[in-house]
Amino acid sequence: KIRKYNPDGLIISDPGVFMFMKEKLPNIPLHVSTQANVGS
């Protein structure tokens, strides 16, 4: 649905969703959500 609209990024927490969208939408930047608990 969103392929042709080119949002400026996708905010993702789940590694599976991350890899899925990386393959499906390689031209859209991927952001890691705070839900992924990145602290280092």
All heavy atoms as atom14 arrays in JSON, in Angstrom:
{
  "sequence": "KIRKYNPDGLIISDPGVFMFMKEKLPNIPLHVSTQANVGS",
  "atom14_mask": [
    [1, 1, 1, 1, 1, 1, 1, 1, 1, 0, 0, 0, 0, 0],
    [1, 1, 1, 1, 1, 1, 1, 1, 0, 0, 0, 0, 0, 0],
    [1, 1, 1, 1, 1, 1, 1, 1, 1, 1, 1, 0, 0, 0],
    [1, 1, 1, 1, 1, 1, 1, 1, 1, 0, 0, 0, 0, 0],
    [1, 1, 1, 1, 1, 1, 1, 1, 1, 1, 1, 1, 0, 0],
    [1, 1, 1, 1, 1, 1, 1, 1, 0, 0, 0, 0, 0, 0],
    [1, 1, 1, 1, 1, 1, 1, 0, 0, 0, 0, 0, 0, 0],
    [1, 1, 1, 1, 1, 1, 1, 1, 0, 0, 0, 0, 0, 0],
    [1, 1, 1, 1, 0, 0, 0, 0, 0, 0, 0, 0, 0, 0],
    [1, 1, 1, 1, 1, 1, 1, 1, 0, 0, 0, 0, 0, 0],
    [1, 1, 1, 1, 1, 1, 1, 1, 0, 0, 0, 0, 0, 0],
    [1, 1, 1, 1, 1, 1, 1, 1, 0, 0, 0, 0, 0, 0],
    [1, 1, 1, 1, 1, 1, 0, 0, 0, 0, 0, 0, 0, 0],
    [1, 1, 1, 1, 1, 1, 1, 1, 0, 0, 0, 0, 0, 0],
    [1, 1, 1, 1, 1, 1, 1, 0, 0, 0, 0, 0, 0, 0],
    [1, 1, 1, 1, 0, 0, 0, 0, 0, 0, 0, 0, 0, 0],
    [1, 1, 1, 1, 1, 1, 1, 0, 0, 0, 0, 0, 0, 0],
    [1, 1, 1, 1, 1, 1, 1, 1, 1, 1, 1, 0, 0, 0],
    [1, 1, 1, 1, 1, 1, 1, 1, 0, 0, 0, 0, 0, 0],
    [1, 1, 1, 1, 1, 1, 1, 1, 1, 1, 1, 0, 0, 0],
    [1, 1, 1, 1, 1, 1, 1, 1, 0, 0, 0, 0, 0, 0],
    [1, 1, 1, 1, 1, 1, 1, 1, 1, 0, 0, 0, 0, 0],
    [1, 1, 1, 1, 1, 1, 1, 1, 1, 0, 0, 0, 0, 0],
    [1, 1, 1, 1, 1, 1, 1, 1, 1, 0, 0, 0, 0, 0],
    [1, 1, 1, 1, 1, 1, 1, 1, 0, 0, 0, 0, 0, 0],
    [1, 1, 1, 1, 1, 1, 1, 0, 0, 0, 0, 0, 0, 0],
    [1, 1, 1, 1, 1, 1, 1, 1, 0, 0, 0, 0, 0, 0],
    [1, 1, 1, 1, 1, 1, 1, 1, 0, 0, 0, 0, 0, 0],
    [1, 1, 1, 1, 1, 1, 1, 0, 0, 0, 0, 0, 0, 0],
    [1, 1, 1, 1, 1, 1, 1, 1, 0, 0, 0, 0, 0, 0],
    [1, 1, 1, 1, 1, 1, 1, 1, 1, 1, 0, 0, 0, 0],
    [1, 1, 1, 1, 1, 1, 1, 0, 0, 0, 0, 0, 0, 0],
    [1, 1, 1, 1, 1, 1, 0, 0, 0, 0, 0, 0, 0, 0],
    [1, 1, 1, 1, 1, 1, 1, 0, 0, 0, 0, 0, 0, 0],
    [1, 1, 1, 1, 1, 1, 1, 1, 1, 0, 0, 0, 0, 0],
    [1, 1, 1, 1, 1, 0, 0, 0, 0, 0, 0, 0, 0, 0],
    [1, 1, 1, 1, 1, 1, 1, 1, 0, 0, 0, 0, 0, 0],
    [1, 1, 1, 1, 1, 1, 1, 0, 0, 0, 0, 0, 0, 0],
    [1, 1, 1, 1, 0, 0, 0, 0, 0, 0, 0, 0, 0, 0],
    [1, 1, 1, 1, 1, 1, 0, 0, 0, 0, 0, 0, 0, 0]
  ],
  "atom14_positions": [
    [[0.82, -1.21, 0.0], [0.0, 0.0, 0.0], [0.86, 1.27, 0.0], [0.57, 2.24, -0.71], [-0.91, -0.01, 1.22], [-1.89, 1.15, 1.32], [-3.11, 0.91, 0.47], [-4.16, 1.97, 0.7], [-5.36, 1.77, -0.13], [0.0, 0.0, 0.0], [0.0, 0.0, 0.0], [0.0, 0.0, 0.0], [0.0, 0.0, 0.0], [0.0, 0.0, 0.0]],
    [[1.9, 1.28, 0.81], [2.66, 2.52, 0.99], [3.89, 2.63, 0.09], [4.57, 3.66, 0.09], [3.11, 2.69, 2.46], [4.15, 1.62, 2.84], [1.93, 2.69, 3.4], [4.87, 1.94, 4.12], [0.0, 0.0, 0.0], [0.0, 0.0, 0.0], [0.0, 0.0, 0.0], [0.0, 0.0, 0.0], [0.0, 0.0, 0.0], [0.0, 0.0, 0.0]],
    [[4.16, 1.58, -0.69], [5.39, 1.55, -1.49], [5.58, 2.83, -2.31], [6.66, 3.44, -2.31], [5.35, 0.34, -2.41], [6.62, 0.12, -3.24], [6.46, -1.06, -4.17], [6.1, -2.26, -3.45], [6.96, -3.06, -2.82], [8.25, -2.74, -2.85], [6.55, -4.14, -2.2], [0.0, 0.0, 0.0], [0.0, 0.0, 0.0], [0.0, 0.0, 0.0]],
    [[4.54, 3.28, -2.99], [4.68, 4.42, -3.9], [4.62, 5.76, -3.19], [4.89, 6.8, -3.8], [3.61, 4.35, -4.98], [2.19, 4.51, -4.48], [1.2, 4.44, -5.64], [-0.24, 4.58, -5.16], [-1.21, 4.52, -6.28], [0.0, 0.0, 0.0], [0.0, 0.0, 0.0], [0.0, 0.0, 0.0], [0.0, 0.0, 0.0], [0.0, 0.0, 0.0]],
    [[4.29, 5.76, -1.9], [4.15, 7.03, -1.18], [5.44, 7.47, -0.49], [5.56, 8.62, -0.07], [3.01, 6.93, -0.16], [1.65, 6.86, -0.81], [1.06, 5.63, -1.07], [0.97, 8.0, -1.21], [-0.19, 5.54, -1.69], [-0.27, 7.94, -1.83], [-0.84, 6.7, -2.07], [-2.06, 6.63, -2.68], [0.0, 0.0, 0.0], [0.0, 0.0, 0.0]],
    [[6.37, 6.56, -0.32], [7.69, 6.89, 0.21], [7.69, 7.7, 1.5], [8.14, 8.86, 1.53], [8.53, 7.63, -0.84], [9.0, 6.73, -1.96], [9.41, 5.6, -1.71], [8.91, 7.21, -3.17], [0.0, 0.0, 0.0], [0.0, 0.0, 0.0], [0.0, 0.0, 0.0], [0.0, 0.0, 0.0], [0.0, 0.0, 0.0], [0.0, 0.0, 0.0]],
    [[7.18, 7.14, 2.6], [7.35, 7.83, 3.88], [8.83, 7.97, 4.18], [9.67, 7.27, 3.6], [6.65, 6.89, 4.87], [6.71, 5.54, 4.22], [6.57, 5.81, 2.76], [0.0, 0.0, 0.0], [0.0, 0.0, 0.0], [0.0, 0.0, 0.0], [0.0, 0.0, 0.0], [0.0, 0.0, 0.0], [0.0, 0.0, 0.0], [0.0, 0.0, 0.0]],
    [[9.17, 8.87, 5.1], [10.58, 9.16, 5.35], [11.26, 8.15, 6.25], [12.48, 8.22, 6.46], [10.69, 10.56, 5.95], [10.17, 11.61, 4.98], [10.91, 11.98, 4.06], [9.0, 12.03, 5.12], [0.0, 0.0, 0.0], [0.0, 0.0, 0.0], [0.0, 0.0, 0.0], [0.0, 0.0, 0.0], [0.0, 0.0, 0.0], [0.0, 0.0, 0.0]],
    [[10.5, 7.23, 6.79], [11.08, 6.18, 7.61], [10.0, 5.31, 8.23], [8.84, 5.72, 8.32], [0.0, 0.0, 0.0], [0.0, 0.0, 0.0], [0.0, 0.0, 0.0], [0.0, 0.0, 0.0], [0.0, 0.0, 0.0], [0.0, 0.0, 0.0], [0.0, 0.0, 0.0], [0.0, 0.0, 0.0], [0.0, 0.0, 0.0], [0.0, 0.0, 0.0]],
    [[10.38, 4.11, 8.63], [9.49, 3.21, 9.36], [10.1, 2.96, 10.74], [11.29, 2.62, 10.84], [9.33, 1.88, 8.62], [8.78, 1.95, 7.2], [8.75, 0.55, 6.58], [7.39, 2.56, 7.18], [0.0, 0.0, 0.0], [0.0, 0.0, 0.0], [0.0, 0.0, 0.0], [0.0, 0.0, 0.0], [0.0, 0.0, 0.0], [0.0, 0.0, 0.0]],
    [[9.31, 3.14, 11.78], [9.8, 2.97, 13.16], [9.39, 1.57, 13.63], [8.2, 1.27, 13.77], [9.21, 4.04, 14.08], [9.52, 5.44, 13.54], [9.75, 3.88, 15.5], [8.83, 6.57, 14.29], [0.0, 0.0, 0.0], [0.0, 0.0, 0.0], [0.0, 0.0, 0.0], [0.0, 0.0, 0.0], [0.0, 0.0, 0.0], [0.0, 0.0, 0.0]],
    [[10.39, 0.72, 13.88], [10.15, -0.71, 14.1], [10.85, -1.17, 15.38], [11.96, -0.73, 15.67], [10.66, -1.52, 12.89], [9.89, -1.11, 11.62], [10.54, -3.02, 13.13], [10.45, -1.69, 10.34], [0.0, 0.0, 0.0], [0.0, 0.0, 0.0], [0.0, 0.0, 0.0], [0.0, 0.0, 0.0], [0.0, 0.0, 0.0], [0.0, 0.0, 0.0]],
    [[10.21, -2.07, 16.12], [10.84, -2.63, 17.32], [11.16, -4.12, 17.19], [12.09, -4.6, 17.8], [9.93, -2.41, 18.54], [8.65, -2.94, 18.32], [0.0, 0.0, 0.0], [0.0, 0.0, 0.0], [0.0, 0.0, 0.0], [0.0, 0.0, 0.0], [0.0, 0.0, 0.0], [0.0, 0.0, 0.0], [0.0, 0.0, 0.0], [0.0, 0.0, 0.0]],
    [[10.38, -4.83, 16.42], [10.5, -6.28, 16.29], [11.54, -6.64, 15.21], [11.42, -6.18, 14.07], [9.12, -6.84, 15.91], [9.07, -8.35, 15.89], [9.95, -8.98, 15.26], [8.14, -8.92, 16.5], [0.0, 0.0, 0.0], [0.0, 0.0, 0.0], [0.0, 0.0, 0.0], [0.0, 0.0, 0.0], [0.0, 0.0, 0.0], [0.0, 0.0, 0.0]],
    [[12.58, -7.42, 15.54], [13.61, -7.77, 14.54], [13.03, -8.46, 13.31], [13.5, -8.24, 12.19], [14.55, -8.71, 15.3], [14.35, -8.38, 16.73], [12.92, -7.98, 16.88], [0.0, 0.0, 0.0], [0.0, 0.0, 0.0], [0.0, 0.0, 0.0], [0.0, 0.0, 0.0], [0.0, 0.0, 0.0], [0.0, 0.0, 0.0], [0.0, 0.0, 0.0]],
    [[11.99, -9.27, 13.51], [11.36, -9.95, 12.38], [10.7, -8.97, 11.44], [10.83, -9.07, 10.2], [0.0, 0.0, 0.0], [0.0, 0.0, 0.0], [0.0, 0.0, 0.0], [0.0, 0.0, 0.0], [0.0, 0.0, 0.0], [0.0, 0.0, 0.0], [0.0, 0.0, 0.0], [0.0, 0.0, 0.0], [0.0, 0.0, 0.0], [0.0, 0.0, 0.0]],
    [[9.99, -7.99, 12.01], [9.35, -6.96, 11.19], [10.41, -6.12, 10.49], [10.26, -5.74, 9.32], [8.44, -6.06, 12.07], [7.85, -4.92, 11.25], [7.32, -6.89, 12.7], [0.0, 0.0, 0.0], [0.0, 0.0, 0.0], [0.0, 0.0, 0.0], [0.0, 0.0, 0.0], [0.0, 0.0, 0.0], [0.0, 0.0, 0.0], [0.0, 0.0, 0.0]],
    [[11.5, -5.85, 11.18], [12.61, -5.07, 10.61], [13.13, -5.75, 9.34], [13.24, -5.11, 8.29], [13.72, -4.93, 11.65], [14.86, -4.04, 11.23], [14.89, -2.71, 11.62], [15.89, -4.52, 10.44], [15.93, -1.88, 11.22], [16.94, -3.7, 10.05], [16.96, -2.37, 10.45], [0.0, 0.0, 0.0], [0.0, 0.0, 0.0], [0.0, 0.0, 0.0]],
    [[13.44, -7.04, 9.44], [14.0, -7.74, 8.29], [12.97, -7.9, 7.18], [13.31, -7.85, 5.99], [14.54, -9.1, 8.72], [15.67, -9.03, 9.75], [17.05, -7.96, 9.22], [17.75, -8.93, 7.87], [0.0, 0.0, 0.0], [0.0, 0.0, 0.0], [0.0, 0.0, 0.0], [0.0, 0.0, 0.0], [0.0, 0.0, 0.0], [0.0, 0.0, 0.0]],
    [[11.71, -8.07, 7.56], [10.63, -8.2, 6.58], [10.52, -6.92, 5.75], [10.45, -6.96, 4.52], [9.31, -8.49, 7.31], [8.14, -8.77, 6.42], [7.82, -10.07, 6.05], [7.34, -7.74, 5.94], [6.74, -10.34, 5.23], [6.25, -7.99, 5.12], [5.95, -9.29, 4.76], [0.0, 0.0, 0.0], [0.0, 0.0, 0.0], [0.0, 0.0, 0.0]],
    [[10.5, -5.77, 6.44], [10.37, -4.49, 5.74], [11.65, -4.11, 5.0], [11.59, -3.44, 3.96], [9.97, -3.39, 6.73], [8.53, -3.49, 7.18], [7.41, -3.32, 5.77], [5.84, -3.76, 6.53], [0.0, 0.0, 0.0], [0.0, 0.0, 0.0], [0.0, 0.0, 0.0], [0.0, 0.0, 0.0], [0.0, 0.0, 0.0], [0.0, 0.0, 0.0]],
    [[12.77, -4.52, 5.51], [14.03, -4.27, 4.8], [14.01, -4.93, 3.43], [14.49, -4.37, 2.43], [15.2, -4.78, 5.63], [16.57, -4.54, 5.01], [17.67, -5.08, 5.89], [19.04, -4.88, 5.26], [20.13, -5.43, 6.11], [0.0, 0.0, 0.0], [0.0, 0.0, 0.0], [0.0, 0.0, 0.0], [0.0, 0.0, 0.0], [0.0, 0.0, 0.0]],
    [[13.43, -6.12, 3.37], [13.34, -6.84, 2.1], [12.24, -6.27, 1.21], [12.43, -6.09, 0.0], [13.05, -8.32, 2.37], [12.92, -9.16, 1.11], [12.6, -10.61, 1.4], [12.76, -11.05, 2.56], [12.18, -11.32, 0.47], [0.0, 0.0, 0.0], [0.0, 0.0, 0.0], [0.0, 0.0, 0.0], [0.0, 0.0, 0.0], [0.0, 0.0, 0.0]],
    [[11.09, -5.96, 1.81], [9.94, -5.49, 1.02], [10.1, -4.06, 0.54], [9.66, -3.71, -0.56], [8.67, -5.61, 1.86], [8.23, -7.03, 2.16], [7.63, -7.69, 0.92], [7.14, -9.08, 1.22], [6.54, -9.71, 0.01], [0.0, 0.0, 0.0], [0.0, 0.0, 0.0], [0.0, 0.0, 0.0], [0.0, 0.0, 0.0], [0.0, 0.0, 0.0]],
    [[10.68, -3.19, 1.39], [10.78, -1.77, 1.08], [12.23, -1.31, 1.27], [12.55, -0.53, 2.18], [9.84, -0.96, 1.98], [8.35, -1.31, 1.88], [7.56, -0.63, 3.0], [7.78, -0.93, 0.52], [0.0, 0.0, 0.0], [0.0, 0.0, 0.0], [0.0, 0.0, 0.0], [0.0, 0.0, 0.0], [0.0, 0.0, 0.0], [0.0, 0.0, 0.0]],
    [[13.13, -1.76, 0.43], [14.57, -1.48, 0.63], [14.95, -0.01, 0.53], [16.02, 0.38, 1.0], [15.24, -2.32, -0.47], [14.18, -2.49, -1.52], [12.88, -2.56, -0.77], [0.0, 0.0, 0.0], [0.0, 0.0, 0.0], [0.0, 0.0, 0.0], [0.0, 0.0, 0.0], [0.0, 0.0, 0.0], [0.0, 0.0, 0.0], [0.0, 0.0, 0.0]],
    [[14.08, 0.81, -0.07], [14.43, 2.22, -0.26], [13.92, 3.13, 0.86], [14.19, 4.33, 0.84], [13.88, 2.7, -1.6], [14.51, 1.99, -2.78], [15.71, 1.69, -2.78], [13.72, 1.69, -3.8], [0.0, 0.0, 0.0], [0.0, 0.0, 0.0], [0.0, 0.0, 0.0], [0.0, 0.0, 0.0], [0.0, 0.0, 0.0], [0.0, 0.0, 0.0]],
    [[13.18, 2.57, 1.8], [12.66, 3.38, 2.9], [13.54, 3.17, 4.14], [13.76, 2.04, 4.57], [11.2, 3.0, 3.23], [10.32, 3.33, 2.02], [10.71, 3.77, 4.45], [8.86, 2.98, 2.2], [0.0, 0.0, 0.0], [0.0, 0.0, 0.0], [0.0, 0.0, 0.0], [0.0, 0.0, 0.0], [0.0, 0.0, 0.0], [0.0, 0.0, 0.0]],
    [[14.08, 4.26, 4.73], [14.95, 4.12, 5.91], [14.2, 3.45, 7.08], [13.02, 3.72, 7.29], [15.31, 5.57, 6.25], [15.11, 6.32, 4.98], [13.96, 5.66, 4.29], [0.0, 0.0, 0.0], [0.0, 0.0, 0.0], [0.0, 0.0, 0.0], [0.0, 0.0, 0.0], [0.0, 0.0, 0.0], [0.0, 0.0, 0.0], [0.0, 0.0, 0.0]],
    [[14.91, 2.62, 7.8], [14.34, 1.92, 8.95], [14.88, 2.52, 10.24], [16.1, 2.68, 10.4], [14.65, 0.42, 8.88], [14.11, -0.31, 7.64], [14.44, -1.8, 7.73], [12.62, -0.1, 7.46], [0.0, 0.0, 0.0], [0.0, 0.0, 0.0], [0.0, 0.0, 0.0], [0.0, 0.0, 0.0], [0.0, 0.0, 0.0], [0.0, 0.0, 0.0]],
    [[13.97, 2.86, 11.15], [14.31, 3.4, 12.46], [13.98, 2.34, 13.51], [13.0, 1.6, 13.38], [13.49, 4.66, 12.77], [13.74, 5.79, 11.82], [13.48, 7.11, 12.16], [14.22, 5.83, 10.55], [13.79, 7.89, 11.14], [14.22, 7.14, 10.15], [0.0, 0.0, 0.0], [0.0, 0.0, 0.0], [0.0, 0.0, 0.0], [0.0, 0.0, 0.0]],
    [[14.78, 2.29, 14.55], [14.55, 1.33, 15.64], [13.78, 2.03, 16.75], [14.22, 3.05, 17.29], [15.87, 0.76, 16.16], [15.61, -0.24, 17.28], [16.64, 0.09, 15.03], [0.0, 0.0, 0.0], [0.0, 0.0, 0.0], [0.0, 0.0, 0.0], [0.0, 0.0, 0.0], [0.0, 0.0, 0.0], [0.0, 0.0, 0.0], [0.0, 0.0, 0.0]],
    [[12.61, 1.49, 17.09], [11.73, 2.09, 18.09], [12.31, 2.01, 19.49], [13.13, 1.14, 19.81], [10.38, 1.37, 18.05], [9.56, 1.73, 19.14], [0.0, 0.0, 0.0], [0.0, 0.0, 0.0], [0.0, 0.0, 0.0], [0.0, 0.0, 0.0], [0.0, 0.0, 0.0], [0.0, 0.0, 0.0], [0.0, 0.0, 0.0], [0.0, 0.0, 0.0]],
    [[11.84, 2.9, 20.35], [12.21, 2.83, 21.77], [11.77, 1.5, 22.39], [12.34, 1.06, 23.39], [11.58, 4.0, 22.54], [12.06, 4.01, 23.88], [10.06, 3.9, 22.58], [0.0, 0.0, 0.0], [0.0, 0.0, 0.0], [0.0, 0.0, 0.0], [0.0, 0.0, 0.0], [0.0, 0.0, 0.0], [0.0, 0.0, 0.0], [0.0, 0.0, 0.0]],
    [[10.76, 0.85, 21.8], [10.31, -0.44, 22.31], [11.38, -1.51, 22.21], [11.3, -2.55, 22.87], [9.07, -0.9, 21.55], [7.87, 0.01, 21.69], [7.38, 0.11, 23.12], [7.2, 1.2, 23.64], [7.18, -1.01, 23.76], [0.0, 0.0, 0.0], [0.0, 0.0, 0.0], [0.0, 0.0, 0.0], [0.0, 0.0, 0.0], [0.0, 0.0, 0.0]],
    [[12.38, -1.29, 21.36], [13.47, -2.26, 21.24], [14.47, -2.14, 22.38], [15.41, -2.93, 22.46], [14.18, -2.08, 19.9], [0.0, 0.0, 0.0], [0.0, 0.0, 0.0], [0.0, 0.0, 0.0], [0.0, 0.0, 0.0], [0.0, 0.0, 0.0], [0.0, 0.0, 0.0], [0.0, 0.0, 0.0], [0.0, 0.0, 0.0], [0.0, 0.0, 0.0]],
    [[14.29, -1.1, 23.23], [15.11, -0.93, 24.44], [16.6, -0.77, 24.16], [17.44, -1.37, 24.83], [14.89, -2.11, 25.39], [13.43, -2.35, 25.7], [12.94, -3.46, 25.58], [12.71, -1.32, 26.08], [0.0, 0.0, 0.0], [0.0, 0.0, 0.0], [0.0, 0.0, 0.0], [0.0, 0.0, 0.0], [0.0, 0.0, 0.0], [0.0, 0.0, 0.0]],
    [[16.92, 0.06, 23.18], [18.33, 0.33, 22.89], [18.86, 1.31, 23.93], [18.37, 2.43, 24.05], [18.5, 0.92, 21.47], [19.96, 1.25, 21.22], [17.98, -0.06, 20.43], [0.0, 0.0, 0.0], [0.0, 0.0, 0.0], [0.0, 0.0, 0.0], [0.0, 0.0, 0.0], [0.0, 0.0, 0.0], [0.0, 0.0, 0.0], [0.0, 0.0, 0.0]],
    [[19.89, 0.86, 24.67], [20.44, 1.69, 25.73], [21.95, 1.67, 25.8], [22.54, 2.15, 26.77], [0.0, 0.0, 0.0], [0.0, 0.0, 0.0], [0.0, 0.0, 0.0], [0.0, 0.0, 0.0], [0.0, 0.0, 0.0], [0.0, 0.0, 0.0], [0.0, 0.0, 0.0], [0.0, 0.0, 0.0], [0.0, 0.0, 0.0], [0.0, 0.0, 0.0]],
    [[22.6, 1.15, 24.76], [24.06, 1.11, 24.75], [24.56, 1.18, 23.32], [23.81, 0.9, 22.37], [24.57, -0.2, 25.38], [24.34, -1.3, 24.51], [0.0, 0.0, 0.0], [0.0, 0.0, 0.0], [0.0, 0.0, 0.0], [0.0, 0.0, 0.0], [0.0, 0.0, 0.0], [0.0, 0.0, 0.0], [0.0, 0.0, 0.0], [0.0, 0.0, 0.0]]
  ]
}
